[in-house]
Amino acid sequence: MHRQSRISTLPTALAAAFLIAQSPLAEEPPQQQGRVWDVSLGAGVAYAPTYEGGDNYTATPLPYISIKYKDRFALGIGGLTADLWKNDTTTLGVGLTYDPGRDENGDTVFGSGNDRELEGMGDIDGAAGAKVYASHELDSFVLKGNVIRYMGDDNDGMLADAAVSRPINLSKKFRLIPSIAATWADGAYMETFFGVDARQAADSRFPRYDADAGFKDIAAGVRAIYNIDQQWSVTVAGQVKQLLDDAADSPITADETSYSLLSTIAYRF
């Protein structure tokens, strides 16, 4: 794990956004039928803890991008995906994603972040990740699953998540998508983000702590999508997450329960 203390506004700002964007609860807008390219651009604001397990929150502006080609290849804030096989109800695919890591200082362009809560823990550099995913429509429910293996020097762990959502069309313009999800993490991921090794214990206020593989969290959320017209849409998504097992018991976890909010406005070309 990389143990260099540095002040950086970008990793913490990205982390707040990615806590939501990388969530298994996230939904991408469906492609309009008959279009080879489907492009949406916009902007939004994410409100989330400065780090997973933290009790200080930050509001972070972020760009919104969704590019789809032939309803099989997609690029968005969550990464790049390619559907390898699909029919009317089931999709299997692979993708590339990114975890921005964690900054021990936590300061952002908007002010103090972690208030030195992680001083001495060192920074965790960002890492690219390879993933496989699947989704299946069962009656009115959508089942989704992802397995991600990160390939960074600091973060070479693995995450697996599963989610169930139930899209509800309240009108032609207004849609609600309530969801529940659970995430499992291997020992390498848990040790990176929730463990405290001997050096960290000596440099910080935290005691030595080993974090083992297990279920990392459960989450519940709802996403509201309002289509103003054929081009403009507004999305608001909220989520409540409960850390579990070794993630909840970690000495760096200040609050086992966290809340996050994402609001975006996008224009579809």
Protein backbone atom coordinates (compact mmCIF):
# COMPACT_ATOMS: atom_id res chain seq x y z
CA MET A 1 0.00 0.00 0.00
CA HIS A 2 1.30 3.43 -0.92
CA ARG A 3 2.12 5.47 2.22
CA GLN A 4 2.91 8.93 0.94
CA SER A 5 1.15 11.83 2.67
CA ARG A 6 0.10 14.49 0.19
CA ILE A 7 -2.59 17.12 -0.22
CA SER A 8 -4.72 16.43 -3.26
CA THR A 9 -8.19 17.78 -3.95
CA LEU A 10 -9.03 15.50 -6.86
CA PRO A 11 -9.05 12.01 -5.27
CA THR A 12 -11.39 13.05 -2.46
CA ALA A 13 -13.70 14.90 -4.85
CA LEU A 14 -13.82 11.90 -7.17
CA ALA A 15 -14.33 9.50 -4.28
CA ALA A 16 -17.51 11.29 -3.20
CA ALA A 17 -18.91 10.96 -6.71
CA PHE A 18 -17.76 7.37 -7.22
CA LEU A 19 -19.30 6.20 -3.95
CA ILE A 20 -22.59 6.79 -5.77
CA ALA A 21 -21.66 6.20 -9.40
CA GLN A 22 -20.03 2.84 -8.65
CA SER A 23 -22.93 1.70 -6.52
CA PRO A 24 -24.75 -1.45 -7.70
CA LEU A 25 -27.90 0.65 -7.39
CA ALA A 26 -26.84 2.87 -10.29
CA GLU A 27 -29.01 2.79 -13.40
CA GLU A 28 -28.14 3.92 -16.91
CA PRO A 29 -30.81 5.46 -19.14
CA PRO A 30 -32.10 3.07 -21.81
CA GLN A 31 -31.00 3.72 -25.37
CA GLN A 32 -33.58 5.16 -27.72
CA GLN A 33 -34.58 2.54 -30.25
CA GLY A 34 -33.11 2.74 -33.73
CA ARG A 35 -30.16 4.95 -32.76
CA VAL A 36 -26.61 3.84 -33.51
CA TRP A 37 -25.13 6.47 -31.18
CA ASP A 38 -26.89 7.65 -28.03
CA VAL A 39 -25.08 10.48 -26.25
CA SER A 40 -26.10 12.37 -23.11
CA LEU A 41 -24.01 15.07 -21.46
CA GLY A 42 -24.69 17.13 -18.38
CA ALA A 43 -23.62 18.03 -14.87
CA GLY A 44 -24.54 17.15 -11.34
CA VAL A 45 -23.74 17.34 -7.65
CA ALA A 46 -22.86 14.41 -5.37
CA TYR A 47 -23.20 14.56 -1.59
CA ALA A 48 -21.45 11.72 0.22
CA PRO A 49 -18.94 10.90 2.98
CA THR A 50 -15.38 12.00 2.27
CA TYR A 51 -14.36 8.34 2.68
CA GLU A 52 -16.23 5.09 3.20
CA GLY A 53 -16.89 4.84 6.91
CA GLY A 54 -16.35 8.54 7.55
CA ASP A 55 -18.84 10.85 9.22
CA ASN A 56 -17.83 14.06 7.44
CA TYR A 57 -19.67 14.81 4.20
CA THR A 58 -18.80 16.83 1.13
CA ALA A 59 -20.77 18.21 -1.81
CA THR A 60 -18.91 17.66 -5.07
CA PRO A 61 -19.79 18.93 -8.57
CA LEU A 62 -19.18 16.41 -11.31
CA PRO A 63 -19.71 16.03 -15.03
CA TYR A 64 -22.28 13.58 -16.36
CA ILE A 65 -21.53 11.55 -19.47
CA SER A 66 -23.32 8.62 -21.09
CA ILE A 67 -22.25 7.40 -24.53
CA LYS A 68 -23.76 4.26 -26.04
CA TYR A 69 -23.06 2.58 -29.37
CA LYS A 70 -25.59 0.14 -30.84
CA ASP A 71 -26.93 -0.54 -27.35
CA ARG A 72 -23.92 -2.81 -26.66
CA PHE A 73 -20.99 -0.54 -25.83
CA ALA A 74 -21.26 2.18 -23.22
CA LEU A 75 -19.04 4.77 -21.56
CA GLY A 76 -20.11 6.62 -18.42
CA ILE A 77 -18.88 7.85 -15.08
CA GLY A 78 -18.87 4.22 -13.90
CA GLY A 79 -16.51 3.13 -16.68
CA LEU A 80 -16.53 1.35 -20.04
CA THR A 81 -18.76 -1.67 -20.69
CA ALA A 82 -19.39 -4.09 -23.55
CA ASP A 83 -22.37 -6.45 -23.71
CA LEU A 84 -21.07 -9.78 -24.98
CA TRP A 85 -24.40 -11.58 -25.08
CA LYS A 86 -27.98 -10.45 -24.61
CA ASN A 87 -31.58 -11.33 -25.37
CA ASP A 88 -34.88 -9.79 -24.35
CA THR A 89 -34.36 -10.48 -20.62
CA THR A 90 -30.68 -11.29 -19.97
CA THR A 91 -27.38 -9.47 -20.54
CA LEU A 92 -23.82 -10.66 -19.94
CA GLY A 93 -20.81 -8.42 -20.42
CA VAL A 94 -17.37 -7.19 -19.42
CA GLY A 95 -15.99 -3.77 -18.62
CA LEU A 96 -13.31 -1.51 -17.22
CA THR A 97 -13.84 0.73 -14.23
CA TYR A 98 -11.80 2.87 -11.85
CA ASP A 99 -11.57 3.38 -8.10
CA PRO A 100 -10.07 6.80 -7.21
CA GLY A 101 -8.57 5.54 -3.95
CA ARG A 102 -8.45 7.58 -0.78
CA ASP A 103 -6.59 10.67 0.40
CA GLU A 104 -5.66 10.78 4.09
CA ASN A 105 -5.93 14.56 4.20
CA GLY A 106 -9.37 14.72 2.64
CA ASP A 107 -9.35 18.43 1.85
CA THR A 108 -11.27 19.54 -1.24
CA VAL A 109 -11.65 22.80 -3.11
CA PHE A 110 -14.74 23.36 -0.93
CA GLY A 111 -12.93 23.20 2.40
CA SER A 112 -11.87 20.69 5.03
CA GLY A 113 -12.76 17.10 4.27
CA ASN A 114 -11.84 14.44 6.84
CA ASP A 115 -10.64 16.99 9.43
CA ARG A 116 -7.43 14.97 9.73
CA GLU A 117 -9.39 11.86 10.78
CA LEU A 118 -7.12 9.63 8.69
CA GLU A 119 -3.83 11.35 9.51
CA GLY A 120 -1.04 8.80 9.46
CA MET A 121 -2.96 6.23 7.43
CA GLY A 122 -1.36 7.32 4.15
CA ASP A 123 -2.96 7.68 0.75
CA ILE A 124 -4.42 4.88 -1.35
CA ASP A 125 -3.70 5.44 -5.03
CA GLY A 126 -6.42 5.00 -7.63
CA ALA A 127 -6.72 1.68 -9.44
CA ALA A 128 -8.23 0.44 -12.68
CA GLY A 129 -10.52 -2.56 -12.42
CA ALA A 130 -11.74 -5.28 -14.78
CA LYS A 131 -15.29 -6.44 -14.30
CA VAL A 132 -17.85 -8.94 -15.50
CA TYR A 133 -21.53 -8.25 -15.09
CA ALA A 134 -24.93 -9.78 -15.66
CA SER A 135 -28.51 -8.58 -15.52
CA HIS A 136 -31.83 -10.40 -15.80
CA GLU A 137 -35.40 -9.15 -15.95
CA LEU A 138 -37.80 -11.31 -13.94
CA ASP A 139 -41.40 -10.19 -14.22
CA SER A 140 -41.27 -6.55 -13.07
CA PHE A 141 -37.93 -6.89 -11.25
CA VAL A 142 -34.37 -6.39 -12.52
CA LEU A 143 -31.58 -8.53 -11.03
CA LYS A 144 -27.98 -7.32 -11.44
CA GLY A 145 -24.58 -8.60 -10.45
CA ASN A 146 -20.96 -7.40 -10.87
CA VAL A 147 -17.56 -8.85 -10.04
CA ILE A 148 -14.66 -6.36 -10.12
CA ARG A 149 -10.97 -7.13 -9.76
CA TYR A 150 -8.78 -4.08 -9.21
CA MET A 151 -5.25 -4.00 -10.58
CA GLY A 152 -3.48 -1.22 -8.68
CA ASP A 153 -0.30 -1.28 -6.63
CA ASP A 154 -2.25 -0.19 -3.54
CA ASN A 155 -5.59 -1.78 -4.38
CA ASP A 156 -5.55 -5.25 -5.94
CA GLY A 157 -8.70 -6.44 -4.22
CA MET A 158 -11.97 -7.86 -5.48
CA LEU A 159 -15.59 -6.77 -5.04
CA ALA A 160 -18.76 -8.69 -5.87
CA ASP A 161 -22.19 -7.13 -5.62
CA ALA A 162 -25.79 -8.03 -6.33
CA ALA A 163 -28.81 -5.76 -6.60
CA VAL A 164 -32.55 -6.03 -7.12
CA SER A 165 -34.54 -3.11 -8.50
CA ARG A 166 -38.19 -2.55 -9.39
CA PRO A 167 -38.74 0.21 -11.99
CA ILE A 168 -42.07 2.00 -11.54
CA ASN A 169 -43.44 4.24 -14.29
CA LEU A 170 -45.61 6.84 -12.57
CA SER A 171 -46.26 8.65 -15.84
CA LYS A 172 -44.81 8.96 -19.33
CA LYS A 173 -42.23 11.41 -17.97
CA PHE A 174 -41.66 10.31 -14.38
CA ARG A 175 -40.01 7.06 -13.28
CA LEU A 176 -38.99 5.69 -9.86
CA ILE A 177 -36.48 2.87 -9.36
CA PRO A 178 -36.23 1.59 -5.77
CA SER A 179 -33.39 -0.88 -5.16
CA ILE A 180 -31.62 -2.99 -2.57
CA ALA A 181 -28.07 -4.32 -2.86
CA ALA A 182 -25.27 -6.14 -1.03
CA THR A 183 -21.49 -6.08 -1.59
CA TRP A 184 -18.87 -8.70 -0.71
CA ALA A 185 -15.13 -7.88 -0.62
CA ASP A 186 -12.10 -10.14 -0.51
CA GLY A 187 -9.37 -9.88 2.12
CA ALA A 188 -7.08 -7.70 0.00
CA TYR A 189 -9.76 -5.06 -0.55
CA MET A 190 -10.88 -5.11 3.08
CA GLU A 191 -7.32 -4.80 4.36
CA THR A 192 -6.59 -1.90 1.99
CA PHE A 193 -9.60 0.22 2.93
CA PHE A 194 -10.46 -0.93 6.47
CA GLY A 195 -7.33 -2.54 7.90
CA VAL A 196 -4.61 -0.86 9.97
CA ASP A 197 -1.13 -2.35 9.60
CA ALA A 198 1.76 -1.96 12.04
CA ARG A 199 3.20 1.09 10.30
CA GLN A 200 -0.16 2.82 10.13
CA ALA A 201 -0.79 2.06 13.79
CA ALA A 202 2.55 3.69 14.68
CA ASP A 203 1.86 6.78 12.52
CA SER A 204 -1.81 7.29 13.34
CA ARG A 205 -4.18 7.26 16.30
CA PHE A 206 -5.65 3.90 15.27
CA PRO A 207 -4.79 0.50 16.79
CA ARG A 208 -3.56 -2.44 14.70
CA TYR A 209 -6.50 -4.09 12.94
CA ASP A 210 -6.84 -6.94 10.44
CA ALA A 211 -9.86 -6.81 8.13
CA ASP A 212 -10.86 -10.14 6.59
CA ALA A 213 -12.99 -11.06 3.58
CA GLY A 214 -16.74 -10.88 4.01
CA PHE A 215 -19.86 -8.90 3.26
CA LYS A 216 -18.82 -5.26 3.26
CA ASP A 217 -22.21 -3.54 3.15
CA ILE A 218 -25.89 -3.59 2.34
CA ALA A 219 -27.64 -0.64 0.76
CA ALA A 220 -31.09 0.61 -0.15
CA GLY A 221 -31.88 3.46 -2.46
CA VAL A 222 -34.26 5.06 -4.88
CA ARG A 223 -33.68 6.87 -8.16
CA ALA A 224 -36.18 9.33 -9.60
CA ILE A 225 -35.96 10.23 -13.31
CA TYR A 226 -38.00 13.03 -14.84
CA ASN A 227 -37.89 13.58 -18.60
CA ILE A 228 -38.59 17.25 -19.18
CA ASP A 229 -38.82 16.66 -22.94
CA GLN A 230 -37.16 14.45 -25.58
CA GLN A 231 -33.73 15.92 -24.83
CA TRP A 232 -33.62 17.16 -21.22
CA SER A 233 -33.88 14.96 -18.13
CA VAL A 234 -33.33 15.36 -14.39
CA THR A 235 -32.26 12.53 -12.10
CA VAL A 236 -32.15 12.48 -8.30
CA ALA A 237 -30.82 9.39 -6.50
CA GLY A 238 -30.54 8.75 -2.77
CA GLN A 239 -28.94 5.85 -0.95
CA VAL A 240 -28.53 4.57 2.61
CA LYS A 241 -25.60 2.19 3.21
CA GLN A 242 -24.86 0.05 6.26
CA LEU A 243 -21.34 -1.29 6.69
CA LEU A 244 -21.08 -4.87 7.94
CA ASP A 245 -18.70 -7.22 9.76
CA ASP A 246 -15.02 -6.18 9.65
CA ALA A 247 -15.82 -2.98 7.73
CA ALA A 248 -18.20 -1.85 10.47
CA ASP A 249 -15.80 -2.89 13.25
CA SER A 250 -12.75 -1.14 11.74
CA PRO A 251 -11.25 1.57 13.99
CA ILE A 252 -11.27 3.99 11.03
CA THR A 253 -15.05 3.63 10.68
CA ALA A 254 -16.57 6.64 12.40
CA ASP A 255 -20.14 5.85 11.31
CA GLU A 256 -21.40 2.47 10.15
CA THR A 257 -24.39 4.06 8.40
CA SER A 258 -23.90 6.56 5.58
CA TYR A 259 -26.13 8.54 3.27
CA SER A 260 -25.47 9.78 -0.24
CA LEU A 261 -27.30 11.87 -2.78
CA LEU A 262 -26.73 12.45 -6.48
CA SER A 263 -28.57 14.97 -8.64
CA THR A 264 -27.91 15.44 -12.36
CA ILE A 265 -29.35 17.25 -15.35
CA ALA A 266 -28.51 15.93 -18.78
CA TYR A 267 -29.12 16.75 -22.43
CA ARG A 268 -29.60 13.91 -24.90
CA PHE A 269 -28.23 14.56 -28.38
